[in-house]
Amino acid sequence: MHPYLTSHIPGIGGTIKESPDDFIVEEIPSYLPSGSGEHCYLTIEKRGITTLEAIRRIAAALKVPERDIGYAGMKDAVGITRQTISVQRVTTEKAMELELEGVHILSASRHSNKLKLGHLRGNRFRIAVRSVSEGSESVTRSVLEILIKRGVPNYFGLQRYGAQRNSHLIGAAMLKRDWQGAVDALIGQPDLVRDEEWSEAILAYRQGDVNRALQLFPRHCRNERDVLQRLNSRPGEYEKAFASIHPRLKKLYLSAVQSFLFDQVVARRIEHIDELLIGDLAFKHVNGACFLVEDAGTEMERAGSFEISASGPMFGCRMKQPEGSPLEIEREIQGTLQIGLDDFDLPGGLRMEGERRPLRVPLDNPSFLLEGDCIRLEFALPKGSYATSVLREIMKTY
């Protein structure tokens, strides 16, 4: 568990995501479609499926390649999400006729360019926290006041690391070109899954019985089964077995490494997250540009008004590094996984160039309402930031 910014305030406890209607996310677009162009912009509402699964279903129904569909943000399966995707060379009339399980088309318009990842300002959240403790109203108000003033710690959080919390370990093995290690991490640990047969499958792999592991692995674990299938026919050829993983998923494993290391930097600097150090690369919230802090005292007024914040590393082969004590912190944390910046220069379209990310983000227009033992929260965050970073400060349960 990473440290809280509001550790001196007790949590309200409670549970989230008891039903899809308890967790609603709506994208805030960077721009609206112009009304003309070869790309059809669809505002969709998905329920209980990931963005990628929604794209698969829409592509199949429209008989278009998945690569012709663009999206601005990736959303997980839990809850209800309203987001925009773009589909090339499809009429708005045909798109609006779609009737798909888990996906509802809300509107369709045209635009000149394909949507790309990051083409959004942020996300607005409406979340119900149920079974909260007594005194939750005053606690929530106190926490929100601090987050408004000092910012939300920009943690990625556990959702970034997969069901077994092992995605960053797979990515770290990839960076070291340790393909057996990558397969081992992908298969996981038997004590980290609840399904008994799944656990037995992992144990069989750990004992060297690939064939039995393949027989026992659940059907929904398609990636693990594909890798085991190759290993079963070509024992010991781990690199070729791991090559069966889709490049998009490999990218997610590598980004999980970046996320894991970034979270360690946030945790290290949590008590002074709204301050700057000499040598920091300050992040301009208006445009994402960074500059070197040479005099922290003179820049603190801009930090206090949330114009700028200290940044942390999304490590990559071309990432700009800070100086002084911020660089020492980042190098120490980077060393925990024994990887260098050059290791991110992977072939086959997997190169990770890296970037800077703010250690904190502004909390936009938060509000809440207590109904019995349920707190209903509303707030917005910039793109790339997670509602769990707000919820964990209020709930103190993870």
Protein backbone atom coordinates (compact mmCIF):
# COMPACT_ATOMS: atom_id res chain seq x y z
CA MET A 1 0.00 0.00 0.00
CA HIS A 2 1.33 3.41 -0.96
CA PRO A 3 1.25 6.20 1.65
CA TYR A 4 -1.68 8.62 1.74
CA LEU A 5 -1.43 12.38 1.46
CA THR A 6 -4.18 12.61 4.08
CA SER A 7 -2.79 9.92 6.41
CA HIS A 8 -3.71 12.02 9.49
CA ILE A 9 -7.43 11.77 8.62
CA PRO A 10 -9.28 8.46 9.20
CA GLY A 11 -10.97 6.74 6.29
CA ILE A 12 -14.69 6.21 5.79
CA GLY A 13 -14.27 2.58 4.72
CA GLY A 14 -17.05 1.27 2.55
CA THR A 15 -17.22 -0.53 -0.78
CA ILE A 16 -17.41 0.58 -4.41
CA LYS A 17 -18.59 -0.98 -7.65
CA GLU A 18 -21.37 -3.07 -6.09
CA SER A 19 -23.32 -2.46 -9.30
CA PRO A 20 -22.39 -0.87 -12.65
CA ASP A 21 -24.51 2.20 -11.79
CA ASP A 22 -22.25 2.84 -8.78
CA PHE A 23 -19.28 3.75 -10.97
CA ILE A 24 -19.96 6.01 -13.96
CA VAL A 25 -17.18 7.56 -16.05
CA GLU A 26 -17.73 10.12 -18.80
CA GLU A 27 -14.94 11.35 -21.06
CA ILE A 28 -14.39 15.10 -21.40
CA PRO A 29 -13.36 15.49 -25.07
CA SER A 30 -10.59 17.76 -26.28
CA TYR A 31 -12.74 18.78 -29.23
CA LEU A 32 -16.09 18.02 -30.84
CA PRO A 33 -16.47 16.46 -34.30
CA SER A 34 -16.76 19.01 -37.11
CA GLY A 35 -19.61 17.24 -38.91
CA SER A 36 -17.61 16.32 -42.02
CA GLY A 37 -14.78 13.93 -42.87
CA GLU A 38 -14.18 10.23 -43.47
CA HIS A 39 -14.18 9.24 -39.78
CA CYS A 40 -17.41 8.50 -37.94
CA TYR A 41 -17.22 9.63 -34.30
CA LEU A 42 -19.41 7.46 -32.08
CA THR A 43 -20.29 8.33 -28.51
CA ILE A 44 -20.85 4.97 -26.89
CA GLU A 45 -22.00 3.77 -23.50
CA LYS A 46 -20.45 0.47 -22.51
CA ARG A 47 -21.40 -1.63 -19.52
CA GLY A 48 -19.37 -4.44 -17.97
CA ILE A 49 -16.75 -4.73 -20.75
CA THR A 50 -13.39 -3.12 -21.51
CA THR A 51 -12.79 -0.53 -24.21
CA LEU A 52 -10.89 -3.07 -26.29
CA GLU A 53 -13.75 -5.57 -26.05
CA ALA A 54 -16.23 -2.87 -27.09
CA ILE A 55 -14.02 -2.11 -30.09
CA ARG A 56 -13.87 -5.80 -31.00
CA ARG A 57 -17.65 -6.08 -30.96
CA ILE A 58 -18.18 -2.89 -32.98
CA ALA A 59 -15.53 -3.89 -35.53
CA ALA A 60 -17.13 -7.30 -36.00
CA ALA A 61 -20.62 -5.84 -36.36
CA LEU A 62 -19.52 -3.20 -38.89
CA LYS A 63 -17.15 -5.62 -40.65
CA VAL A 64 -14.17 -3.26 -40.37
CA PRO A 65 -10.63 -3.99 -39.14
CA GLU A 66 -10.01 -3.12 -35.49
CA ARG A 67 -7.07 -0.98 -36.60
CA ASP A 68 -9.54 1.39 -38.32
CA ILE A 69 -11.11 2.22 -34.95
CA GLY A 70 -9.57 4.94 -32.81
CA TYR A 71 -10.18 5.78 -29.16
CA ALA A 72 -9.03 8.53 -26.82
CA GLY A 73 -8.92 6.63 -23.54
CA MET A 74 -8.78 3.08 -22.25
CA LYS A 75 -11.48 2.14 -19.74
CA ASP A 76 -11.82 -1.07 -17.73
CA ALA A 77 -14.80 -3.40 -17.53
CA VAL A 78 -16.26 -2.38 -14.19
CA GLY A 79 -19.04 0.19 -14.22
CA ILE A 80 -20.57 2.30 -16.97
CA THR A 81 -18.41 4.33 -19.35
CA ARG A 82 -19.43 6.97 -21.87
CA GLN A 83 -16.63 7.58 -24.33
CA THR A 84 -15.96 8.44 -27.97
CA ILE A 85 -14.45 6.20 -30.63
CA SER A 86 -13.84 6.84 -34.33
CA VAL A 87 -14.53 4.41 -37.17
CA GLN A 88 -13.14 5.01 -40.65
CA ARG A 89 -15.36 4.88 -43.75
CA VAL A 90 -18.63 4.00 -42.01
CA THR A 91 -21.83 6.03 -42.34
CA THR A 92 -23.44 7.54 -39.27
CA GLU A 93 -26.72 5.87 -40.24
CA LYS A 94 -25.16 2.40 -40.25
CA ALA A 95 -23.41 3.04 -36.96
CA MET A 96 -26.60 4.20 -35.23
CA GLU A 97 -28.35 0.99 -36.27
CA LEU A 98 -25.97 -1.15 -34.20
CA GLU A 99 -27.46 -3.19 -31.38
CA LEU A 100 -24.74 -4.89 -29.37
CA GLU A 101 -24.56 -6.61 -26.01
CA GLY A 102 -22.80 -4.33 -23.53
CA VAL A 103 -22.54 -1.41 -25.98
CA HIS A 104 -25.11 1.29 -26.75
CA ILE A 105 -24.49 3.91 -29.46
CA LEU A 106 -25.57 7.31 -28.11
CA SER A 107 -24.68 9.55 -31.06
CA ALA A 108 -22.74 9.62 -34.32
CA SER A 109 -21.11 12.46 -36.23
CA ARG A 110 -18.29 12.94 -38.70
CA HIS A 111 -14.76 14.32 -38.40
CA SER A 112 -11.62 14.59 -40.51
CA ASN A 113 -9.14 12.69 -38.35
CA LYS A 114 -8.94 9.42 -36.44
CA LEU A 115 -9.18 9.59 -32.67
CA LYS A 116 -5.88 8.79 -30.97
CA LEU A 117 -4.98 7.88 -27.42
CA GLY A 118 -4.86 11.05 -25.34
CA HIS A 119 -7.32 13.07 -27.43
CA LEU A 120 -9.35 14.05 -24.37
CA ARG A 121 -9.16 16.64 -21.61
CA GLY A 122 -10.08 14.34 -18.77
CA ASN A 123 -12.83 12.27 -17.21
CA ARG A 124 -15.80 13.07 -15.01
CA PHE A 125 -16.76 10.52 -12.36
CA ARG A 126 -19.96 9.74 -10.47
CA ILE A 127 -19.23 7.14 -7.81
CA ALA A 128 -21.23 5.62 -4.94
CA VAL A 129 -19.31 4.45 -1.87
CA ARG A 130 -21.61 2.20 0.15
CA SER A 131 -21.57 0.97 3.78
CA VAL A 132 -19.47 3.89 4.99
CA SER A 133 -18.71 4.51 8.66
CA GLU A 134 -20.24 7.12 10.96
CA GLY A 135 -18.83 10.61 10.59
CA SER A 136 -18.20 10.08 6.88
CA GLU A 137 -19.61 13.45 5.90
CA SER A 138 -17.05 15.48 7.88
CA VAL A 139 -14.20 13.14 6.92
CA THR A 140 -15.01 13.38 3.21
CA ARG A 141 -15.23 17.17 3.41
CA SER A 142 -11.84 17.40 5.19
CA VAL A 143 -10.11 15.12 2.68
CA LEU A 144 -11.54 16.95 -0.32
CA GLU A 145 -10.42 20.31 1.09
CA ILE A 146 -6.83 19.05 1.26
CA LEU A 147 -6.94 17.50 -2.19
CA ILE A 148 -8.30 20.72 -3.67
CA LYS A 149 -5.51 22.72 -2.06
CA ARG A 150 -2.53 20.35 -2.38
CA GLY A 151 -3.57 18.17 -5.33
CA VAL A 152 -4.40 14.52 -5.87
CA PRO A 153 -1.40 12.14 -5.70
CA ASN A 154 -1.14 10.96 -9.29
CA TYR A 155 -0.77 7.25 -8.49
CA PHE A 156 -1.62 4.70 -11.15
CA GLY A 157 -2.68 2.23 -8.49
CA LEU A 158 -3.33 -1.49 -8.45
CA GLN A 159 -5.66 -1.57 -11.47
CA ARG A 160 -2.60 -0.98 -13.65
CA TYR A 161 -1.00 -4.30 -12.73
CA GLY A 162 -3.55 -6.93 -13.75
CA ALA A 163 -5.56 -9.55 -11.88
CA GLN A 164 -2.47 -11.07 -10.26
CA ARG A 165 -0.75 -7.67 -9.83
CA ASN A 166 2.08 -9.02 -12.01
CA SER A 167 1.98 -6.97 -15.24
CA HIS A 168 5.02 -4.90 -14.26
CA LEU A 169 6.99 -8.08 -13.54
CA ILE A 170 6.25 -9.37 -17.03
CA GLY A 171 7.34 -6.04 -18.48
CA ALA A 172 10.52 -5.94 -16.40
CA ALA A 173 11.50 -9.40 -17.67
CA MET A 174 10.87 -8.23 -21.24
CA LEU A 175 13.19 -5.26 -20.71
CA LYS A 176 15.91 -7.63 -19.50
CA ARG A 177 15.26 -9.89 -22.50
CA ASP A 178 14.62 -12.66 -19.94
CA TRP A 179 11.96 -14.59 -21.85
CA GLN A 180 11.64 -17.45 -19.40
CA GLY A 181 11.19 -14.86 -16.68
CA ALA A 182 8.51 -13.17 -18.79
CA VAL A 183 6.63 -16.45 -19.25
CA ASP A 184 7.01 -17.32 -15.55
CA ALA A 185 5.59 -13.92 -14.57
CA LEU A 186 2.75 -14.25 -17.09
CA ILE A 187 1.68 -17.62 -15.71
CA GLY A 188 1.78 -16.13 -12.21
CA GLN A 189 1.66 -17.58 -8.72
CA PRO A 190 -0.83 -20.25 -7.53
CA ASP A 191 -1.64 -18.42 -4.29
CA LEU A 192 -2.73 -15.26 -6.14
CA VAL A 193 -5.82 -16.74 -7.81
CA ARG A 194 -8.97 -17.96 -6.08
CA ASP A 195 -10.12 -20.48 -8.69
CA GLU A 196 -8.87 -23.89 -7.55
CA GLU A 197 -8.34 -25.37 -11.01
CA TRP A 198 -6.55 -22.21 -12.17
CA SER A 199 -4.29 -22.41 -9.13
CA GLU A 200 -3.56 -26.08 -9.88
CA ALA A 201 -2.68 -25.15 -13.48
CA ILE A 202 -0.14 -22.60 -12.30
CA LEU A 203 1.31 -25.10 -9.84
CA ALA A 204 1.64 -27.71 -12.59
CA TYR A 205 3.60 -25.21 -14.70
CA ARG A 206 5.83 -24.40 -11.74
CA GLN A 207 6.52 -28.12 -11.36
CA GLY A 208 7.50 -28.38 -15.03
CA ASP A 209 4.37 -30.14 -16.30
CA VAL A 210 3.43 -27.83 -19.17
CA ASN A 211 0.97 -30.28 -20.71
CA ARG A 212 -1.06 -30.63 -17.50
CA ALA A 213 -0.95 -26.86 -17.00
CA LEU A 214 -2.39 -26.40 -20.49
CA GLN A 215 -5.18 -28.86 -19.76
CA LEU A 216 -6.12 -27.13 -16.51
CA PHE A 217 -5.82 -23.46 -17.49
CA PRO A 218 -9.24 -21.73 -17.74
CA ARG A 219 -10.46 -21.01 -21.26
CA HIS A 220 -10.65 -17.27 -20.60
CA CYS A 221 -6.87 -17.15 -20.01
CA ARG A 222 -6.22 -17.03 -23.75
CA ASN A 223 -2.74 -15.50 -23.59
CA GLU A 224 -1.47 -17.98 -21.05
CA ARG A 225 -2.91 -20.87 -23.03
CA ASP A 226 -1.34 -19.64 -26.29
CA VAL A 227 2.07 -19.44 -24.64
CA LEU A 228 1.71 -22.86 -23.02
CA GLN A 229 0.57 -24.37 -26.32
CA ARG A 230 3.82 -23.25 -27.97
CA LEU A 231 5.92 -24.39 -25.02
CA ASN A 232 4.22 -27.75 -25.07
CA SER A 233 5.16 -28.30 -28.72
CA ARG A 234 8.62 -26.67 -28.41
CA PRO A 235 9.89 -27.16 -24.86
CA GLY A 236 12.35 -24.56 -23.63
CA GLU A 237 11.76 -22.07 -26.47
CA TYR A 238 10.49 -19.31 -24.20
CA GLU A 239 11.17 -16.40 -26.53
CA LYS A 240 9.15 -17.97 -29.35
CA ALA A 241 6.40 -18.92 -26.91
CA PHE A 242 6.16 -15.36 -25.57
CA ALA A 243 6.06 -14.06 -29.15
CA SER A 244 2.46 -15.31 -29.34
CA ILE A 245 1.39 -12.41 -27.10
CA HIS A 246 -0.29 -9.57 -29.02
CA PRO A 247 1.96 -6.49 -29.39
CA ARG A 248 -0.73 -4.29 -27.84
CA LEU A 249 -0.63 -6.41 -24.68
CA LYS A 250 3.17 -6.36 -24.65
CA LYS A 251 2.98 -2.57 -24.68
CA LEU A 252 0.67 -2.72 -21.65
CA TYR A 253 3.21 -4.84 -19.78
CA LEU A 254 5.94 -2.33 -20.54
CA SER A 255 3.78 0.61 -19.52
CA ALA A 256 3.06 -1.24 -16.26
CA VAL A 257 6.80 -1.11 -15.51
CA GLN A 258 6.76 2.63 -16.09
CA SER A 259 3.70 2.98 -13.87
CA PHE A 260 5.16 0.88 -11.07
CA LEU A 261 8.35 2.95 -10.91
CA PHE A 262 6.45 6.24 -11.17
CA ASP A 263 4.24 5.24 -8.24
CA GLN A 264 7.35 4.64 -6.13
CA VAL A 265 8.50 8.19 -6.84
CA VAL A 266 5.09 9.61 -5.84
CA ALA A 267 5.22 7.56 -2.63
CA ARG A 268 8.72 8.81 -1.82
CA ARG A 269 7.71 12.47 -2.24
CA ILE A 270 4.13 12.28 -0.91
CA GLU A 271 4.64 14.49 2.16
CA HIS A 272 5.93 17.36 0.02
CA ILE A 273 4.01 16.60 -3.16
CA ASP A 274 2.95 20.22 -3.64
CA GLU A 275 6.52 21.52 -3.36
CA LEU A 276 9.44 21.82 -5.77
CA LEU A 277 13.10 20.89 -5.41
CA ILE A 278 16.10 22.37 -7.16
CA GLY A 279 16.72 20.11 -10.14
CA ASP A 280 13.06 19.17 -10.60
CA LEU A 281 11.53 19.15 -14.03
CA ALA A 282 8.41 21.23 -13.39
CA PHE A 283 5.29 20.21 -15.32
CA LYS A 284 3.11 22.98 -16.80
CA HIS A 285 -0.49 21.84 -16.38
CA VAL A 286 -1.72 24.03 -19.22
CA ASN A 287 0.25 22.26 -21.95
CA GLY A 288 2.35 19.45 -20.46
CA ALA A 289 5.69 21.15 -21.13
CA CYS A 290 8.49 20.78 -18.59
CA PHE A 291 11.34 23.04 -17.50
CA LEU A 292 14.28 22.71 -15.11
CA VAL A 293 13.78 24.28 -11.67
CA GLU A 294 16.90 26.26 -10.79
CA ASP A 295 15.40 28.29 -7.93
CA ALA A 296 12.66 26.39 -6.12
CA GLY A 297 11.71 29.38 -3.95
CA THR A 298 10.82 31.63 -6.85
CA GLU A 299 8.69 28.92 -8.50
CA MET A 300 6.65 28.01 -5.39
CA GLU A 301 4.05 30.72 -6.06
CA ARG A 302 3.26 29.11 -9.41
CA ALA A 303 3.10 25.71 -7.73
CA GLY A 304 0.74 27.14 -5.09
CA SER A 305 -1.65 28.33 -7.79
CA PHE A 306 -1.44 24.93 -9.51
CA GLU A 307 0.15 26.36 -12.60
CA ILE A 308 3.05 23.91 -12.24
CA SER A 309 3.93 20.77 -10.29
CA ALA A 310 6.97 18.58 -9.81
CA SER A 311 7.12 15.77 -12.37
CA GLY A 312 8.12 12.15 -12.10
CA PRO A 313 9.50 9.63 -14.58
CA MET A 314 7.72 7.48 -17.07
CA PHE A 315 11.05 5.84 -17.79
CA GLY A 316 12.09 5.38 -21.42
CA CYS A 317 15.08 5.47 -23.72
CA ARG A 318 14.59 9.17 -24.55
CA MET A 319 13.11 10.48 -21.29
CA LYS A 320 14.52 13.79 -20.07
CA GLN A 321 16.02 13.43 -16.61
CA PRO A 322 16.01 15.91 -13.73
CA GLU A 323 19.07 16.99 -11.78
CA GLY A 324 20.24 17.02 -8.17
CA SER A 325 18.22 15.24 -5.48
CA PRO A 326 15.22 14.47 -7.76
CA LEU A 327 17.60 12.58 -10.08
CA GLU A 328 19.10 10.67 -7.14
CA ILE A 329 15.63 9.58 -6.02
CA GLU A 330 14.65 8.43 -9.50
CA ARG A 331 17.89 6.52 -10.08
CA GLU A 332 17.56 4.74 -6.76
CA ILE A 333 13.99 3.65 -7.54
CA GLN A 334 14.91 2.67 -11.10
CA GLY A 335 17.63 0.45 -9.67
CA THR A 336 15.13 -1.64 -7.71
CA LEU A 337 14.21 -3.43 -10.97
CA GLN A 338 17.79 -3.39 -12.28
CA ILE A 339 16.90 -1.84 -15.60
CA GLY A 340 18.46 1.06 -17.50
CA LEU A 341 16.97 3.65 -19.81
CA ASP A 342 18.55 1.97 -22.83
CA ASP A 343 16.67 -1.24 -21.97
CA PHE A 344 13.45 0.46 -23.08
CA ASP A 345 14.77 0.64 -26.66
CA LEU A 346 13.09 -2.61 -27.68
CA PRO A 347 12.70 -3.72 -31.32
CA GLY A 348 9.52 -4.75 -33.09
CA GLY A 349 7.51 -1.60 -32.40
CA LEU A 350 7.88 -1.95 -28.63
CA ARG A 351 10.24 0.98 -28.11
CA MET A 352 9.27 3.07 -25.08
CA GLU A 353 10.62 6.60 -25.36
CA GLY A 354 9.37 7.78 -21.97
CA GLU A 355 7.97 11.09 -20.76
CA ARG A 356 7.40 13.18 -17.66
CA ARG A 357 4.18 12.98 -15.63
CA PRO A 358 3.04 15.32 -12.83
CA LEU A 359 3.31 13.92 -9.31
CA ARG A 360 -0.05 15.50 -8.49
CA VAL A 361 -3.09 16.68 -10.45
CA PRO A 362 -5.89 19.17 -9.73
CA LEU A 363 -9.24 17.97 -8.43
CA ASP A 364 -11.94 19.69 -10.49
CA ASN A 365 -15.32 20.70 -9.07
CA PRO A 366 -15.76 17.95 -6.44
CA SER A 367 -19.05 17.46 -4.60
CA PHE A 368 -20.62 14.77 -2.46
CA LEU A 369 -23.94 13.79 -0.92
CA LEU A 370 -24.56 11.50 2.06
CA GLU A 371 -27.59 9.23 1.68
CA GLY A 372 -27.88 6.93 4.66
CA ASP A 373 -24.66 4.91 4.70
CA CYS A 374 -23.79 5.81 1.09
CA ILE A 375 -21.57 8.68 -0.04
CA ARG A 376 -22.18 9.80 -3.64
CA LEU A 377 -19.15 11.56 -5.08
CA GLU A 378 -18.74 13.63 -8.24
CA PHE A 379 -15.47 15.08 -9.53
CA ALA A 380 -13.28 15.39 -12.62
CA LEU A 381 -9.62 14.61 -13.21
CA PRO A 382 -7.24 15.31 -16.11
CA LYS A 383 -6.64 12.58 -18.68
CA GLY A 384 -4.42 9.74 -17.52
CA SER A 385 -5.35 10.14 -13.84
CA TYR A 386 -7.43 7.66 -11.88
CA ALA A 387 -10.48 8.03 -9.65
CA THR A 388 -8.95 5.46 -7.29
CA SER A 389 -6.34 8.08 -6.31
CA VAL A 390 -9.18 10.17 -4.87
CA LEU A 391 -11.17 7.26 -3.45
CA ARG A 392 -8.24 5.72 -1.56
CA GLU A 393 -7.62 9.03 0.26
CA ILE A 394 -11.27 9.11 1.37
CA MET A 395 -11.79 5.40 2.09
CA LYS A 396 -8.33 4.37 3.37
CA THR A 397 -9.01 0.70 2.49
CA TYR A 398 -6.36 0.14 -0.20
